[in-house]
PDB file of all heavy atoms in Angstrom:
ATOM      1  N   ARG A   1       0.833  -1.209   0.000  1.00  0.00           N
ATOM      2  CA  ARG A   1       0.000   0.000   0.000  1.00  0.00           C
ATOM      3  C   ARG A   1       0.865   1.256   0.000  1.00  0.00           C
ATOM      4  O   ARG A   1       0.579   2.225  -0.703  1.00  0.00           O
ATOM      5  CB  ARG A   1      -0.928   0.015   1.224  1.00  0.00           C
ATOM      6  CG  ARG A   1      -2.179  -0.818   1.069  1.00  0.00           C
ATOM      7  CD  ARG A   1      -3.223  -0.436   2.121  1.00  0.00           C
ATOM      8  NE  ARG A   1      -2.707  -0.550   3.481  1.00  0.00           N
ATOM      9  CZ  ARG A   1      -2.731  -1.666   4.210  1.00  0.00           C
ATOM     10  NH1 ARG A   1      -3.256  -2.778   3.698  1.00  0.00           N
ATOM     11  NH2 ARG A   1      -2.254  -1.679   5.437  1.00  0.00           N
ATOM     12  N   ARG A   2       1.932   1.227   0.782  1.00  0.00           N
ATOM     13  CA  ARG A   2       2.797   2.402   0.882  1.00  0.00           C
ATOM     14  C   ARG A   2       3.395   2.774  -0.472  1.00  0.00           C
ATOM     15  O   ARG A   2       3.499   3.962  -0.808  1.00  0.00           O
ATOM     16  CB  ARG A   2       3.917   2.129   1.888  1.00  0.00           C
ATOM     17  CG  ARG A   2       4.901   3.290   2.014  1.00  0.00           C
ATOM     18  CD  ARG A   2       6.070   2.948   2.912  1.00  0.00           C
ATOM     19  NE  ARG A   2       7.041   4.026   2.922  1.00  0.00           N
ATOM     20  CZ  ARG A   2       8.263   3.943   3.442  1.00  0.00           C
ATOM     21  NH1 ARG A   2       8.641   2.801   4.025  1.00  0.00           N
ATOM     22  NH2 ARG A   2       9.101   4.958   3.398  1.00  0.00           N
ATOM     23  N   TRP A   3       3.757   1.766  -1.278  1.00  0.00           N
ATOM     24  CA  TRP A   3       4.446   2.039  -2.535  1.00  0.00           C
ATOM     25  C   TRP A   3       3.560   1.856  -3.769  1.00  0.00           C
ATOM     26  O   TRP A   3       4.058   1.877  -4.894  1.00  0.00           O
ATOM     27  CB  TRP A   3       5.689   1.146  -2.641  1.00  0.00           C
ATOM     28  CG  TRP A   3       6.684   1.441  -1.560  1.00  0.00           C
ATOM     29  CD1 TRP A   3       6.943   0.686  -0.457  1.00  0.00           C
ATOM     30  CD2 TRP A   3       7.523   2.589  -1.466  1.00  0.00           C
ATOM     31  NE1 TRP A   3       7.901   1.282   0.317  1.00  0.00           N
ATOM     32  CE2 TRP A   3       8.282   2.458  -0.275  1.00  0.00           C
ATOM     33  CE3 TRP A   3       7.725   3.715  -2.266  1.00  0.00           C
ATOM     34  CZ2 TRP A   3       9.207   3.416   0.125  1.00  0.00           C
ATOM     35  CZ3 TRP A   3       8.655   4.659  -1.876  1.00  0.00           C
ATOM     36  CH2 TRP A   3       9.385   4.504  -0.695  1.00  0.00           C
ATOM     37  N   GLY A   4       2.263   1.677  -3.546  1.00  0.00           N
ATOM     38  CA  GLY A   4       1.338   1.568  -4.673  1.00  0.00           C
ATOM     39  C   GLY A   4       1.497   0.290  -5.465  1.00  0.00           C
ATOM     40  O   GLY A   4       1.321   0.279  -6.694  1.00  0.00           O
ATOM     41  N   LEU A   5       1.798  -0.810  -4.803  1.00  0.00           N
ATOM     42  CA  LEU A   5       2.008  -2.098  -5.461  1.00  0.00           C
ATOM     43  C   LEU A   5       0.798  -2.993  -5.276  1.00  0.00           C
ATOM     44  O   LEU A   5       0.000  -2.810  -4.347  1.00  0.00           O
ATOM     45  CB  LEU A   5       3.263  -2.780  -4.896  1.00  0.00           C
ATOM     46  CG  LEU A   5       4.549  -1.941  -4.925  1.00  0.00           C
ATOM     47  CD1 LEU A   5       5.678  -2.685  -4.212  1.00  0.00           C
ATOM     48  CD2 LEU A   5       4.940  -1.600  -6.357  1.00  0.00           C
ATOM     49  N   ASP A   6       0.676  -3.978  -6.140  1.00  0.00           N
ATOM     50  CA  ASP A   6      -0.409  -4.959  -6.065  1.00  0.00           C
ATOM     51  C   ASP A   6       0.046  -6.113  -5.168  1.00  0.00           C
ATOM     52  O   ASP A   6       0.921  -6.894  -5.553  1.00  0.00           O
ATOM     53  CB  ASP A   6      -0.745  -5.464  -7.465  1.00  0.00           C
ATOM     54  CG  ASP A   6      -1.963  -6.381  -7.481  1.00  0.00           C
ATOM     55  OD1 ASP A   6      -2.384  -6.841  -6.395  1.00  0.00           O
ATOM     56  OD2 ASP A   6      -2.472  -6.669  -8.580  1.00  0.00           O
ATOM     57  N   ALA A   7      -0.537  -6.221  -3.993  1.00  0.00           N
ATOM     58  CA  ALA A   7      -0.122  -7.246  -3.035  1.00  0.00           C
ATOM     59  C   ALA A   7      -0.410  -8.650  -3.528  1.00  0.00           C
ATOM     60  O   ALA A   7       0.136  -9.629  -2.994  1.00  0.00           O
ATOM     61  CB  ALA A   7      -0.802  -7.007  -1.687  1.00  0.00           C
ATOM     62  N   ARG A   8      -1.274  -8.788  -4.551  1.00  0.00           N
ATOM     63  CA  ARG A   8      -1.628 -10.123  -5.043  1.00  0.00           C
ATOM     64  C   ARG A   8      -0.638 -10.638  -6.077  1.00  0.00           C
ATOM     65  O   ARG A   8      -0.634 -11.840  -6.374  1.00  0.00           O
ATOM     66  CB  ARG A   8      -3.039 -10.085  -5.653  1.00  0.00           C
ATOM     67  CG  ARG A   8      -4.140  -9.729  -4.658  1.00  0.00           C
ATOM     68  CD  ARG A   8      -5.413  -9.377  -5.385  1.00  0.00           C
ATOM     69  NE  ARG A   8      -5.229  -8.165  -6.211  1.00  0.00           N
ATOM     70  CZ  ARG A   8      -6.182  -7.642  -6.969  1.00  0.00           C
ATOM     71  NH1 ARG A   8      -7.383  -8.207  -7.029  1.00  0.00           N
ATOM     72  NH2 ARG A   8      -5.936  -6.558  -7.677  1.00  0.00           N
ATOM     73  N   ARG A   9       0.187  -9.773  -6.620  1.00  0.00           N
ATOM     74  CA  ARG A   9       1.120 -10.181  -7.681  1.00  0.00           C
ATOM     75  C   ARG A   9       2.543 -10.282  -7.140  1.00  0.00           C
ATOM     76  O   ARG A   9       2.970  -9.485  -6.300  1.00  0.00           O
ATOM     77  CB  ARG A   9       1.099  -9.167  -8.829  1.00  0.00           C
ATOM     78  CG  ARG A   9      -0.209  -9.113  -9.597  1.00  0.00           C
ATOM     79  CD  ARG A   9      -0.090  -8.083 -10.713  1.00  0.00           C
ATOM     80  NE  ARG A   9       0.964  -8.419 -11.646  1.00  0.00           N
ATOM     81  CZ  ARG A   9       1.613  -7.524 -12.414  1.00  0.00           C
ATOM     82  NH1 ARG A   9       1.315  -6.235 -12.298  1.00  0.00           N
ATOM     83  NH2 ARG A   9       2.538  -7.915 -13.263  1.00  0.00           N
ATOM     84  N   PRO A  10       3.302 -11.275  -7.615  1.00  0.00           N
ATOM     85  CA  PRO A  10       4.698 -11.392  -7.169  1.00  0.00           C
ATOM     86  C   PRO A  10       5.535 -10.215  -7.666  1.00  0.00           C
ATOM     87  O   PRO A  10       5.251  -9.614  -8.710  1.00  0.00           O
ATOM     88  CB  PRO A  10       5.163 -12.711  -7.801  1.00  0.00           C
ATOM     89  CG  PRO A  10       4.221 -12.961  -8.926  1.00  0.00           C
ATOM     90  CD  PRO A  10       2.919 -12.359  -8.534  1.00  0.00           C
ATOM     91  N   ILE A  11       6.557  -9.905  -6.891  1.00  0.00           N
ATOM     92  CA  ILE A  11       7.443  -8.778  -7.190  1.00  0.00           C
ATOM     93  C   ILE A  11       8.802  -9.309  -7.638  1.00  0.00           C
ATOM     94  O   ILE A  11       9.360 -10.231  -7.030  1.00  0.00           O
ATOM     95  CB  ILE A  11       7.631  -7.889  -5.945  1.00  0.00           C
ATOM     96  CG1 ILE A  11       6.312  -7.240  -5.535  1.00  0.00           C
ATOM     97  CG2 ILE A  11       8.690  -6.810  -6.191  1.00  0.00           C
ATOM     98  CD1 ILE A  11       6.378  -6.528  -4.192  1.00  0.00           C
ATOM     99  N   LEU A  12       9.320  -8.720  -8.717  1.00  0.00           N
ATOM    100  CA  LEU A  12      10.711  -8.923  -9.111  1.00  0.00           C
ATOM    101  C   LEU A  12      11.474  -7.665  -8.714  1.00  0.00           C
ATOM    102  O   LEU A  12      11.291  -6.599  -9.304  1.00  0.00           O
ATOM    103  CB  LEU A  12      10.827  -9.178 -10.619  1.00  0.00           C
ATOM    104  CG  LEU A  12      12.239  -9.125 -11.232  1.00  0.00           C
ATOM    105  CD1 LEU A  12      13.227 -10.011 -10.489  1.00  0.00           C
ATOM    106  CD2 LEU A  12      12.191  -9.488 -12.716  1.00  0.00           C
ATOM    107  N   ALA A  13      12.297  -7.771  -7.675  1.00  0.00           N
ATOM    108  CA  ALA A  13      13.064  -6.632  -7.172  1.00  0.00           C
ATOM    109  C   ALA A  13      14.312  -6.430  -8.020  1.00  0.00           C
ATOM    110  O   ALA A  13      15.023  -7.396  -8.330  1.00  0.00           O
ATOM    111  CB  ALA A  13      13.446  -6.861  -5.713  1.00  0.00           C
ATOM    112  N   LEU A  14      14.593  -5.182  -8.367  1.00  0.00           N
ATOM    113  CA  LEU A  14      15.781  -4.825  -9.132  1.00  0.00           C
ATOM    114  C   LEU A  14      16.651  -3.917  -8.277  1.00  0.00           C
ATOM    115  O   LEU A  14      16.225  -2.821  -7.898  1.00  0.00           O
ATOM    116  CB  LEU A  14      15.389  -4.108 -10.423  1.00  0.00           C
ATOM    117  CG  LEU A  14      14.392  -4.838 -11.336  1.00  0.00           C
ATOM    118  CD1 LEU A  14      14.026  -3.956 -12.535  1.00  0.00           C
ATOM    119  CD2 LEU A  14      14.949  -6.170 -11.806  1.00  0.00           C
ATOM    120  N   LEU A  15      17.855  -4.378  -7.956  1.00  0.00           N
ATOM    121  CA  LEU A  15      18.784  -3.605  -7.124  1.00  0.00           C
ATOM    122  C   LEU A  15      20.051  -3.348  -7.930  1.00  0.00           C
ATOM    123  O   LEU A  15      20.997  -4.148  -7.898  1.00  0.00           O
ATOM    124  CB  LEU A  15      19.109  -4.354  -5.829  1.00  0.00           C
ATOM    125  CG  LEU A  15      18.040  -4.316  -4.719  1.00  0.00           C
ATOM    126  CD1 LEU A  15      16.868  -5.222  -5.057  1.00  0.00           C
ATOM    127  CD2 LEU A  15      18.636  -4.740  -3.377  1.00  0.00           C
ATOM    128  N   PRO A  16      20.107  -2.226  -8.665  1.00  0.00           N
ATOM    129  CA  PRO A  16      21.222  -1.994  -9.593  1.00  0.00           C
ATOM    130  C   PRO A  16      22.483  -1.427  -8.965  1.00  0.00           C
ATOM    131  O   PRO A  16      23.507  -1.335  -9.643  1.00  0.00           O
ATOM    132  CB  PRO A  16      20.623  -0.997 -10.591  1.00  0.00           C
ATOM    133  CG  PRO A  16      19.596  -0.254  -9.802  1.00  0.00           C
ATOM    134  CD  PRO A  16      19.036  -1.229  -8.813  1.00  0.00           C
ATOM    135  N   GLY A  17      22.452  -1.015  -7.688  1.00  0.00           N
ATOM    136  CA  GLY A  17      23.674  -0.558  -7.051  1.00  0.00           C
ATOM    137  C   GLY A  17      23.494   0.715  -6.247  1.00  0.00           C
ATOM    138  O   GLY A  17      22.476   1.399  -6.346  1.00  0.00           O
ATOM    139  N   SER A  18      24.506   1.030  -5.451  1.00  0.00           N
ATOM    140  CA  SER A  18      24.442   2.182  -4.551  1.00  0.00           C
ATOM    141  C   SER A  18      25.445   3.269  -4.920  1.00  0.00           C
ATOM    142  O   SER A  18      25.610   4.234  -4.189  1.00  0.00           O
ATOM    143  CB  SER A  18      24.710   1.721  -3.110  1.00  0.00           C
ATOM    144  OG  SER A  18      25.989   1.102  -3.020  1.00  0.00           O
ATOM    145  N   ARG A  19      26.139   3.095  -6.054  1.00  0.00           N
ATOM    146  CA  ARG A  19      27.079   4.112  -6.518  1.00  0.00           C
ATOM    147  C   ARG A  19      26.656   4.581  -7.907  1.00  0.00           C
ATOM    148  O   ARG A  19      26.166   3.779  -8.705  1.00  0.00           O
ATOM    149  CB  ARG A  19      28.508   3.547  -6.584  1.00  0.00           C
ATOM    150  CG  ARG A  19      29.063   3.090  -5.245  1.00  0.00           C
ATOM    151  CD  ARG A  19      30.427   2.432  -5.436  1.00  0.00           C
ATOM    152  NE  ARG A  19      31.033   2.098  -4.161  1.00  0.00           N
ATOM    153  CZ  ARG A  19      30.847   0.951  -3.520  1.00  0.00           C
ATOM    154  NH1 ARG A  19      30.047   0.030  -4.047  1.00  0.00           N
ATOM    155  NH2 ARG A  19      31.439   0.714  -2.368  1.00  0.00           N
ATOM    156  N   PRO A  20      26.864   5.858  -8.231  1.00  0.00           N
ATOM    157  CA  PRO A  20      26.480   6.348  -9.558  1.00  0.00           C
ATOM    158  C   PRO A  20      27.078   5.531 -10.694  1.00  0.00           C
ATOM    159  O   PRO A  20      26.417   5.263 -11.699  1.00  0.00           O
ATOM    160  CB  PRO A  20      26.991   7.797  -9.559  1.00  0.00           C
ATOM    161  CG  PRO A  20      26.967   8.195  -8.115  1.00  0.00           C
ATOM    162  CD  PRO A  20      27.346   6.946  -7.356  1.00  0.00           C
ATOM    163  N   GLN A  21      28.351   5.118 -10.553  1.00  0.00           N
ATOM    164  CA  GLN A  21      28.992   4.349 -11.618  1.00  0.00           C
ATOM    165  C   GLN A  21      28.297   3.004 -11.813  1.00  0.00           C
ATOM    166  O   GLN A  21      28.203   2.496 -12.940  1.00  0.00           O
ATOM    167  CB  GLN A  21      30.471   4.139 -11.304  1.00  0.00           C
ATOM    168  CG  GLN A  21      30.712   3.177 -10.135  1.00  0.00           C
ATOM    169  CD  GLN A  21      32.150   3.163  -9.674  1.00  0.00           C
ATOM    170  OE1 GLN A  21      32.653   4.170  -9.187  1.00  0.00           O
ATOM    171  NE2 GLN A  21      32.807   2.036  -9.819  1.00  0.00           N
ATOM    172  N   GLU A  22      27.799   2.401 -10.724  1.00  0.00           N
ATOM    173  CA  GLU A  22      27.082   1.130 -10.832  1.00  0.00           C
ATOM    174  C   GLU A  22      25.724   1.320 -11.494  1.00  0.00           C
ATOM    175  O   GLU A  22      25.292   0.495 -12.314  1.00  0.00           O
ATOM    176  CB  GLU A  22      26.924   0.509  -9.444  1.00  0.00           C
ATOM    177  CG  GLU A  22      28.232   0.103  -8.812  1.00  0.00           C
ATOM    178  CD  GLU A  22      28.094  -0.304  -7.358  1.00  0.00           C
ATOM    179  OE1 GLU A  22      27.123   0.111  -6.704  1.00  0.00           O
ATOM    180  OE2 GLU A  22      28.982  -1.032  -6.870  1.00  0.00           O
ATOM    181  N   LEU A  23      25.065   2.408 -11.144  1.00  0.00           N
ATOM    182  CA  LEU A  23      23.758   2.680 -11.731  1.00  0.00           C
ATOM    183  C   LEU A  23      23.873   2.859 -13.242  1.00  0.00           C
ATOM    184  O   LEU A  23      23.026   2.370 -14.001  1.00  0.00           O
ATOM    185  CB  LEU A  23      23.170   3.934 -11.089  1.00  0.00           C
ATOM    186  CG  LEU A  23      21.648   4.002 -10.997  1.00  0.00           C
ATOM    187  CD1 LEU A  23      21.107   2.854 -10.171  1.00  0.00           C
ATOM    188  CD2 LEU A  23      21.212   5.329 -10.405  1.00  0.00           C
ATOM    189  N   ARG A  24      24.921   3.532 -13.684  1.00  0.00           N
ATOM    190  CA  ARG A  24      25.101   3.747 -15.120  1.00  0.00           C
ATOM    191  C   ARG A  24      25.257   2.425 -15.867  1.00  0.00           C
ATOM    192  O   ARG A  24      24.809   2.287 -17.002  1.00  0.00           O
ATOM    193  CB  ARG A  24      26.319   4.642 -15.373  1.00  0.00           C
ATOM    194  CG  ARG A  24      26.102   6.097 -14.998  1.00  0.00           C
ATOM    195  CD  ARG A  24      27.214   6.967 -15.550  1.00  0.00           C
ATOM    196  NE  ARG A  24      28.516   6.647 -14.970  1.00  0.00           N
ATOM    197  CZ  ARG A  24      28.991   7.215 -13.874  1.00  0.00           C
ATOM    198  NH1 ARG A  24      28.270   8.111 -13.218  1.00  0.00           N
ATOM    199  NH2 ARG A  24      30.185   6.883 -13.417  1.00  0.00           N
ATOM    200  N   ARG A  25      25.891   1.465 -15.245  1.00  0.00           N
ATOM    201  CA  ARG A  25      26.155   0.200 -15.928  1.00  0.00           C
ATOM    202  C   ARG A  25      25.049  -0.840 -15.738  1.00  0.00           C
ATOM    203  O   ARG A  25      24.954  -1.787 -16.519  1.00  0.00           O
ATOM    204  CB  ARG A  25      27.489  -0.385 -15.446  1.00  0.00           C
ATOM    205  CG  ARG A  25      28.676   0.494 -15.815  1.00  0.00           C
ATOM    206  CD  ARG A  25      30.003  -0.174 -15.504  1.00  0.00           C
ATOM    207  NE  ARG A  25      31.113   0.715 -15.820  1.00  0.00           N
ATOM    208  CZ  ARG A  25      31.662   0.837 -17.024  1.00  0.00           C
ATOM    209  NH1 ARG A  25      31.188   0.121 -18.034  1.00  0.00           N
ATOM    210  NH2 ARG A  25      32.666   1.676 -17.229  1.00  0.00           N
ATOM    211  N   HIS A  26      24.210  -0.675 -14.721  1.00  0.00           N
ATOM    212  CA  HIS A  26      23.251  -1.737 -14.399  1.00  0.00           C
ATOM    213  C   HIS A  26      21.784  -1.366 -14.575  1.00  0.00           C
ATOM    214  O   HIS A  26      20.962  -2.261 -14.775  1.00  0.00           O
ATOM    215  CB  HIS A  26      23.459  -2.188 -12.940  1.00  0.00           C
ATOM    216  CG  HIS A  26      24.804  -2.765 -12.668  1.00  0.00           C
ATOM    217  ND1 HIS A  26      25.566  -2.421 -11.567  1.00  0.00           N
ATOM    218  CD2 HIS A  26      25.550  -3.653 -13.369  1.00  0.00           C
ATOM    219  CE1 HIS A  26      26.701  -3.077 -11.593  1.00  0.00           C
ATOM    220  NE2 HIS A  26      26.722  -3.831 -12.671  1.00  0.00           N
ATOM    221  N   LEU A  27      21.437  -0.088 -14.471  1.00  0.00           N
ATOM    222  CA  LEU A  27      20.016   0.266 -14.455  1.00  0.00           C
ATOM    223  C   LEU A  27      19.300  -0.181 -15.727  1.00  0.00           C
ATOM    224  O   LEU A  27      18.286  -0.888 -15.667  1.00  0.00           O
ATOM    225  CB  LEU A  27      19.851   1.774 -14.254  1.00  0.00           C
ATOM    226  CG  LEU A  27      18.406   2.289 -14.236  1.00  0.00           C
ATOM    227  CD1 LEU A  27      17.587   1.606 -13.151  1.00  0.00           C
ATOM    228  CD2 LEU A  27      18.382   3.808 -14.046  1.00  0.00           C
ATOM    229  N   SER A  28      19.794   0.207 -16.873  1.00  0.00           N
ATOM    230  CA  SER A  28      19.150  -0.171 -18.136  1.00  0.00           C
ATOM    231  C   SER A  28      19.175  -1.684 -18.324  1.00  0.00           C
ATOM    232  O   SER A  28      18.175  -2.287 -18.764  1.00  0.00           O
ATOM    233  CB  SER A  28      19.860   0.524 -19.301  1.00  0.00           C
ATOM    234  OG  SER A  28      19.317   0.107 -20.532  1.00  0.00           O
ATOM    235  N   LEU A  29      20.288  -2.305 -18.003  1.00  0.00           N
ATOM    236  CA  LEU A  29      20.417  -3.756 -18.119  1.00  0.00           C
ATOM    237  C   LEU A  29      19.371  -4.481 -17.283  1.00  0.00           C
ATOM    238  O   LEU A  29      18.699  -5.406 -17.764  1.00  0.00           O
ATOM    239  CB  LEU A  29      21.825  -4.171 -17.677  1.00  0.00           C
ATOM    240  CG  LEU A  29      22.082  -5.666 -17.506  1.00  0.00           C
ATOM    241  CD1 LEU A  29      22.029  -6.373 -18.852  1.00  0.00           C
ATOM    242  CD2 LEU A  29      23.436  -5.898 -16.816  1.00  0.00           C
ATOM    243  N   PHE A  30      19.209  -4.056 -16.043  1.00  0.00           N
ATOM    244  CA  PHE A  30      18.265  -4.728 -15.143  1.00  0.00           C
ATOM    245  C   PHE A  30      16.818  -4.528 -15.603  1.00  0.00           C
ATOM    246  O   PHE A  30      16.002  -5.446 -15.539  1.00  0.00           O
ATOM    247  CB  PHE A  30      18.455  -4.224 -13.719  1.00  0.00           C
ATOM    248  CG  PHE A  30      19.647  -4.815 -12.999  1.00  0.00           C
ATOM    249  CD1 PHE A  30      20.714  -5.356 -13.704  1.00  0.00           C
ATOM    250  CD2 PHE A  30      19.713  -4.823 -11.615  1.00  0.00           C
ATOM    251  CE1 PHE A  30      21.806  -5.902 -13.044  1.00  0.00           C
ATOM    252  CE2 PHE A  30      20.791  -5.369 -10.945  1.00  0.00           C
ATOM    253  CZ  PHE A  30      21.850  -5.906 -11.661  1.00  0.00           C
ATOM    254  N   LEU A  31      16.512  -3.304 -16.062  1.00  0.00           N
ATOM    255  CA  LEU A  31      15.154  -3.042 -16.540  1.00  0.00           C
ATOM    256  C   LEU A  31      14.836  -3.887 -17.775  1.00  0.00           C
ATOM    257  O   LEU A  31      13.737  -4.446 -17.893  1.00  0.00           O
ATOM    258  CB  LEU A  31      14.992  -1.559 -16.852  1.00  0.00           C
ATOM    259  CG  LEU A  31      14.872  -0.627 -15.646  1.00  0.00           C
ATOM    260  CD1 LEU A  31      14.987   0.834 -16.081  1.00  0.00           C
ATOM    261  CD2 LEU A  31      13.558  -0.855 -14.905  1.00  0.00           C
ATOM    262  N   LYS A  32      15.778  -3.991 -18.697  1.00  0.00           N
ATOM    263  CA  LYS A  32      15.553  -4.806 -19.898  1.00  0.00           C
ATOM    264  C   LYS A  32      15.357  -6.275 -19.527  1.00  0.00           C
ATOM    265  O   LYS A  32      14.480  -6.960 -20.083  1.00  0.00           O
ATOM    266  CB  LYS A  32      16.727  -4.657 -20.860  1.00  0.00           C
ATOM    267  CG  LYS A  32      16.796  -3.297 -21.537  1.00  0.00           C
ATOM    268  CD  LYS A  32      18.033  -3.188 -22.418  1.00  0.00           C
ATOM    269  CE  LYS A  32      18.113  -1.816 -23.083  1.00  0.00           C
ATOM    270  NZ  LYS A  32      19.353  -1.660 -23.892  1.00  0.00           N
ATOM    271  N   ALA A  33      16.163  -6.777 -18.595  1.00  0.00           N
ATOM    272  CA  ALA A  33      16.018  -8.170 -18.168  1.00  0.00           C
ATOM    273  C   ALA A  33      14.659  -8.393 -17.516  1.00  0.00           C
ATOM    274  O   ALA A  33      13.986  -9.405 -17.779  1.00  0.00           O
ATOM    275  CB  ALA A  33      17.143  -8.538 -17.206  1.00  0.00           C
TER     276      ALA A  33
END
């Protein structure tokens, strides 16, 4: 409810990193996957 998610559907969590350099290399990759 807090994050506007559907509690009935499974969640695929994407954690691309905690540094800007990691985000640049992983964000698009993780979203595409």
